[in-house]
Amino acid sequence: MNDQTEIPEELIQIIRKAEHVTVLTGAGISAESGVPTFREAQTGLWARYDPQELATPQAFQRNPKLVWEWYTWRRELIGKAEPNPGHHALAEMAQLVPKFTLITQNIDGLHQRAGSQDVVTLHGNLMETKCFANQHLVDNWPESDAVPPHCPICDSLLRPNVVWFGENLPADALQTAVQAAESCDLFLSIGTSALVHPAASLPLMAVENGATTVELNPQSTPLTRWMDFVLTGAAGELLPLLVTSLKEAFNNDA
């Protein structure tokens, strides 16, 4: 296992030759953009609430107005954040390799805003809205004083398109993530605690299927001992270095 803060030349050469690169990102990459973590969002008016009491279907059924307003507040917080150099570097990396799959546990949409395409959102996207009863994804709805508003398709209450406690991950997203972890030849785990399952098992699937594995994180995690390369530091600093080194390697080939 290589544990270092610089980008090893061996890793650059492995990425340069990779046919399919899969990346998993967690809260760490968004924290660098100032996005508060789930727990950190409990400030001000919301400090007296347990987030697990606001992020369940049962909570929404009990008090849909309260839950809607909490997520509206969180959406406003995220709206003030901007993608950081780590997000932009991943969007650029996707253009340099034959096949690239980006999987995220984050619900903030920053990867998409940085230009990443076809992001696999395991836990949903806070910037999207769906209805509670039938999962209709909706972009807009008639103005009214109702909080939350109603679905223009079926009239059920609208809710954020995120995965709440007690709900299953989106089946299509999970299947895509598993297939990418099992079929890639290089897997990068970035800014994730490796504690939340099933996402935490994806890097181990890559290990079992013979992929080269890389962890990029400021601290060690339960995954660290299984990784081929461990880059210690912030994604916003290390990922741009990695992409710059990769571009130089490709330019040297030309």
Protein backbone atom coordinates (compact mmCIF):
# COMPACT_ATOMS: atom_id res chain seq x y z
CA MET A 1 0.00 0.00 0.00
CA ASN A 2 1.31 3.44 -0.97
CA ASP A 3 0.39 6.10 1.62
CA GLN A 4 1.41 9.62 0.60
CA THR A 5 0.35 13.16 -0.17
CA GLU A 6 2.01 13.33 -3.59
CA ILE A 7 0.71 11.61 -6.72
CA PRO A 8 2.88 8.55 -7.43
CA GLU A 9 4.02 8.11 -11.01
CA GLU A 10 2.95 4.47 -10.86
CA LEU A 11 -0.65 5.53 -10.22
CA ILE A 12 -0.60 8.01 -13.11
CA GLN A 13 0.52 5.25 -15.46
CA ILE A 14 -2.21 2.92 -14.18
CA ILE A 15 -4.89 5.58 -14.79
CA ARG A 16 -3.43 6.36 -18.22
CA LYS A 17 -3.89 2.72 -19.25
CA ALA A 18 -7.25 2.18 -17.52
CA GLU A 19 -10.23 1.25 -19.67
CA HIS A 20 -12.89 1.93 -17.01
CA VAL A 21 -12.42 4.25 -14.04
CA THR A 22 -15.08 4.25 -11.31
CA VAL A 23 -15.19 6.95 -8.62
CA LEU A 24 -17.19 7.03 -5.38
CA THR A 25 -17.48 10.37 -3.56
CA GLY A 26 -18.79 11.17 -0.09
CA ALA A 27 -19.42 14.18 2.13
CA GLY A 28 -15.74 15.10 2.33
CA ILE A 29 -15.54 16.51 -1.19
CA SER A 30 -18.58 18.73 -0.61
CA ALA A 31 -17.41 19.87 2.84
CA GLU A 32 -14.58 21.63 0.99
CA SER A 33 -17.27 23.74 -0.74
CA GLY A 34 -18.77 24.71 2.60
CA VAL A 35 -21.72 22.33 2.38
CA PRO A 36 -22.74 21.46 5.95
CA THR A 37 -22.93 17.79 6.80
CA PHE A 38 -26.23 16.23 7.76
CA ARG A 39 -25.52 16.85 11.46
CA GLU A 40 -24.08 20.33 10.91
CA ALA A 41 -27.36 21.40 9.31
CA GLN A 42 -28.90 21.36 12.80
CA THR A 43 -28.25 24.99 13.68
CA GLY A 44 -30.33 28.05 14.47
CA LEU A 45 -34.06 27.33 14.38
CA TRP A 46 -33.39 23.66 13.74
CA ALA A 47 -31.01 22.96 16.63
CA ARG A 48 -33.73 21.38 18.76
CA TYR A 49 -34.61 18.76 16.14
CA ASP A 50 -32.93 15.40 15.65
CA PRO A 51 -32.20 15.13 11.91
CA GLN A 52 -33.27 11.49 11.97
CA GLU A 53 -36.67 12.75 13.11
CA LEU A 54 -36.88 15.00 10.05
CA ALA A 55 -35.59 12.56 7.45
CA THR A 56 -38.07 9.68 7.50
CA PRO A 57 -41.32 8.96 5.65
CA GLN A 58 -43.03 8.81 9.05
CA ALA A 59 -41.81 12.31 9.95
CA PHE A 60 -43.19 13.62 6.68
CA GLN A 61 -46.53 11.97 7.24
CA ARG A 62 -46.69 13.40 10.78
CA ASN A 63 -45.68 16.94 9.87
CA PRO A 64 -45.10 17.47 6.14
CA LYS A 65 -44.84 21.26 6.53
CA LEU A 66 -41.99 20.99 9.04
CA VAL A 67 -40.03 18.52 6.90
CA TRP A 68 -40.58 20.54 3.71
CA GLU A 69 -39.39 23.74 5.39
CA TRP A 70 -36.26 22.03 6.79
CA TYR A 71 -35.28 20.79 3.35
CA THR A 72 -36.05 24.19 1.83
CA TRP A 73 -33.59 25.69 4.32
CA ARG A 74 -30.97 23.07 3.50
CA ARG A 75 -31.50 23.71 -0.21
CA GLU A 76 -30.82 27.40 0.38
CA LEU A 77 -27.58 26.56 2.23
CA ILE A 78 -26.40 24.32 -0.60
CA GLY A 79 -27.42 26.91 -3.18
CA LYS A 80 -24.78 29.26 -1.75
CA ALA A 81 -22.02 26.67 -2.24
CA GLU A 82 -19.97 26.35 -5.42
CA PRO A 83 -18.23 23.30 -6.88
CA ASN A 84 -14.62 23.22 -5.75
CA PRO A 85 -11.48 22.23 -7.71
CA GLY A 86 -12.05 18.58 -6.74
CA HIS A 87 -15.47 18.55 -8.42
CA HIS A 88 -14.06 20.22 -11.53
CA ALA A 89 -11.09 17.85 -11.67
CA LEU A 90 -13.40 14.81 -11.74
CA ALA A 91 -15.42 16.34 -14.59
CA GLU A 92 -12.13 16.82 -16.45
CA MET A 93 -10.87 13.32 -15.66
CA ALA A 94 -13.98 11.87 -17.29
CA GLN A 95 -12.82 13.36 -20.60
CA LEU A 96 -9.40 11.68 -20.37
CA VAL A 97 -10.32 8.01 -19.96
CA PRO A 98 -12.31 5.64 -22.22
CA LYS A 99 -15.06 4.94 -19.66
CA PHE A 100 -15.79 6.85 -16.45
CA THR A 101 -18.48 6.20 -13.85
CA LEU A 102 -19.04 8.75 -11.08
CA ILE A 103 -21.05 7.53 -8.09
CA THR A 104 -21.88 9.90 -5.24
CA GLN A 105 -23.46 9.65 -1.81
CA ASN A 106 -23.96 13.42 -1.85
CA ILE A 107 -27.33 15.03 -2.51
CA ASP A 108 -26.09 18.54 -3.30
CA GLY A 109 -25.79 18.40 -7.11
CA LEU A 110 -22.31 19.97 -7.08
CA HIS A 111 -20.84 17.30 -9.38
CA GLN A 112 -23.50 18.09 -11.96
CA ARG A 113 -22.89 21.83 -11.61
CA ALA A 114 -19.18 21.21 -12.18
CA GLY A 115 -19.99 19.56 -15.51
CA SER A 116 -20.03 15.86 -14.66
CA GLN A 117 -22.46 13.86 -16.79
CA ASP A 118 -24.62 10.84 -15.87
CA VAL A 119 -23.79 11.04 -12.16
CA VAL A 120 -25.06 8.00 -10.23
CA THR A 121 -26.79 9.58 -7.21
CA LEU A 122 -27.16 6.82 -4.62
CA HIS A 123 -28.96 9.01 -2.08
CA GLY A 124 -30.90 11.21 -4.48
CA ASN A 125 -30.62 14.91 -5.29
CA LEU A 126 -31.88 17.61 -2.93
CA MET A 127 -32.32 19.98 -5.86
CA GLU A 128 -34.97 17.67 -7.35
CA THR A 129 -38.58 17.24 -6.23
CA LYS A 130 -40.92 14.29 -6.47
CA CYS A 131 -44.33 13.40 -5.06
CA PHE A 132 -44.77 11.30 -1.95
CA ALA A 133 -47.39 8.90 -3.27
CA ASN A 134 -46.18 7.97 -6.76
CA GLN A 135 -42.58 9.20 -7.07
CA HIS A 136 -43.42 11.54 -9.96
CA LEU A 137 -40.40 13.75 -10.63
CA VAL A 138 -41.63 17.31 -11.18
CA ASP A 139 -39.78 20.49 -12.17
CA ASN A 140 -42.56 22.96 -11.43
CA TRP A 141 -46.05 23.15 -10.00
CA PRO A 142 -48.88 25.70 -9.78
CA GLU A 143 -48.32 28.46 -7.25
CA SER A 144 -50.34 28.09 -4.08
CA ASP A 145 -50.11 28.78 -0.36
CA ALA A 146 -49.94 25.04 0.39
CA VAL A 147 -46.81 23.86 2.25
CA PRO A 148 -45.72 21.51 0.89
CA PRO A 149 -47.21 22.07 -2.55
CA HIS A 150 -49.11 19.34 -4.37
CA CYS A 151 -48.03 17.21 -7.32
CA PRO A 152 -49.46 18.59 -10.58
CA ILE A 153 -49.83 15.00 -11.85
CA CYS A 154 -51.56 13.17 -9.00
CA ASP A 155 -52.17 15.87 -6.34
CA SER A 156 -50.21 14.07 -3.60
CA LEU A 157 -47.77 16.08 -1.48
CA LEU A 158 -44.38 16.98 -2.93
CA ARG A 159 -41.13 16.05 -1.16
CA PRO A 160 -37.41 16.30 -1.90
CA ASN A 161 -35.98 13.57 -4.15
CA VAL A 162 -33.67 12.19 -1.47
CA VAL A 163 -33.43 8.82 0.24
CA TRP A 164 -34.81 9.00 3.78
CA PHE A 165 -33.98 6.68 6.67
CA GLY A 166 -35.94 3.48 6.21
CA GLU A 167 -36.14 3.84 2.42
CA ASN A 168 -34.31 1.74 -0.14
CA LEU A 169 -31.71 3.26 -2.45
CA PRO A 170 -32.95 3.79 -6.02
CA ALA A 171 -32.72 0.34 -7.59
CA ASP A 172 -31.36 1.57 -10.94
CA ALA A 173 -28.67 3.69 -9.29
CA LEU A 174 -27.57 0.87 -7.00
CA GLN A 175 -27.44 -1.64 -9.85
CA THR A 176 -25.38 0.76 -11.99
CA ALA A 177 -23.01 1.38 -9.07
CA VAL A 178 -22.50 -2.32 -8.36
CA GLN A 179 -21.88 -3.12 -12.02
CA ALA A 180 -19.36 -0.28 -12.27
CA ALA A 181 -17.53 -1.41 -9.11
CA GLU A 182 -17.34 -4.99 -10.35
CA SER A 183 -16.28 -4.21 -13.93
CA CYS A 184 -13.82 -1.31 -13.57
CA ASP A 185 -10.05 -1.71 -13.62
CA LEU A 186 -9.49 1.33 -11.37
CA PHE A 187 -11.62 2.46 -8.41
CA LEU A 188 -11.20 5.73 -6.48
CA SER A 189 -12.89 6.30 -3.11
CA ILE A 190 -12.88 10.04 -2.35
CA GLY A 191 -13.98 11.87 0.78
CA THR A 192 -16.13 9.08 2.15
CA SER A 193 -16.10 7.71 5.70
CA ALA A 194 -16.69 4.17 4.39
CA LEU A 195 -19.25 3.68 7.16
CA VAL A 196 -22.56 4.05 5.27
CA HIS A 197 -23.70 0.90 3.50
CA PRO A 198 -24.28 -0.27 0.84
CA ALA A 199 -22.03 2.43 -0.65
CA ALA A 200 -19.17 1.44 1.65
CA SER A 201 -19.09 -2.05 0.12
CA LEU A 202 -18.50 -0.78 -3.44
CA PRO A 203 -14.71 -0.32 -3.10
CA LEU A 204 -14.44 -3.84 -1.66
CA MET A 205 -16.33 -5.21 -4.68
CA ALA A 206 -13.65 -3.56 -6.83
CA VAL A 207 -10.92 -5.15 -4.68
CA GLU A 208 -12.51 -8.58 -5.05
CA ASN A 209 -12.68 -8.19 -8.82
CA GLY A 210 -9.02 -7.28 -9.19
CA ALA A 211 -9.24 -3.54 -9.77
CA THR A 212 -6.52 -1.18 -8.64
CA THR A 213 -8.00 0.76 -5.72
CA VAL A 214 -7.23 4.26 -4.45
CA GLU A 215 -8.44 6.06 -1.34
CA LEU A 216 -8.21 9.84 -1.21
CA ASN A 217 -9.11 11.22 2.20
CA PRO A 218 -7.66 13.45 4.93
CA GLN A 219 -8.02 10.61 7.48
CA SER A 220 -7.81 6.85 7.36
CA THR A 221 -11.05 4.85 7.22
CA PRO A 222 -12.07 1.19 7.55
CA LEU A 223 -11.21 0.90 3.83
CA THR A 224 -7.64 2.13 4.11
CA ARG A 225 -5.94 -1.21 4.74
CA TRP A 226 -7.52 -2.72 1.62
CA MET A 227 -6.39 0.02 -0.79
CA ASP A 228 -3.49 -0.20 -3.23
CA PHE A 229 -2.83 3.55 -2.99
CA VAL A 230 -3.75 5.94 -0.18
CA LEU A 231 -3.52 9.67 -0.91
CA THR A 232 -3.78 11.67 2.30
CA GLY A 233 -5.22 15.13 1.91
CA ALA A 234 -8.07 17.23 0.56
CA ALA A 235 -9.77 16.29 -2.69
CA GLY A 236 -9.74 19.92 -3.81
CA GLU A 237 -5.94 19.90 -3.70
CA LEU A 238 -5.01 16.36 -4.71
CA LEU A 239 -7.47 15.75 -7.56
CA PRO A 240 -6.32 18.76 -9.64
CA LEU A 241 -2.72 17.56 -9.16
CA LEU A 242 -3.70 14.09 -10.29
CA VAL A 243 -5.49 15.37 -13.41
CA THR A 244 -2.61 17.71 -14.30
CA SER A 245 -0.15 14.81 -14.01
CA LEU A 246 -2.44 12.62 -16.11
CA LYS A 247 -2.70 15.25 -18.88
CA GLU A 248 1.08 15.61 -18.90
CA ALA A 249 1.43 11.85 -19.29
CA PHE A 250 -0.95 11.87 -22.26
CA ASN A 251 0.87 14.84 -23.80
CA ASN A 252 4.16 12.97 -23.52
CA ASP A 253 2.60 10.15 -25.53
CA ALA A 254 1.61 12.48 -28.34
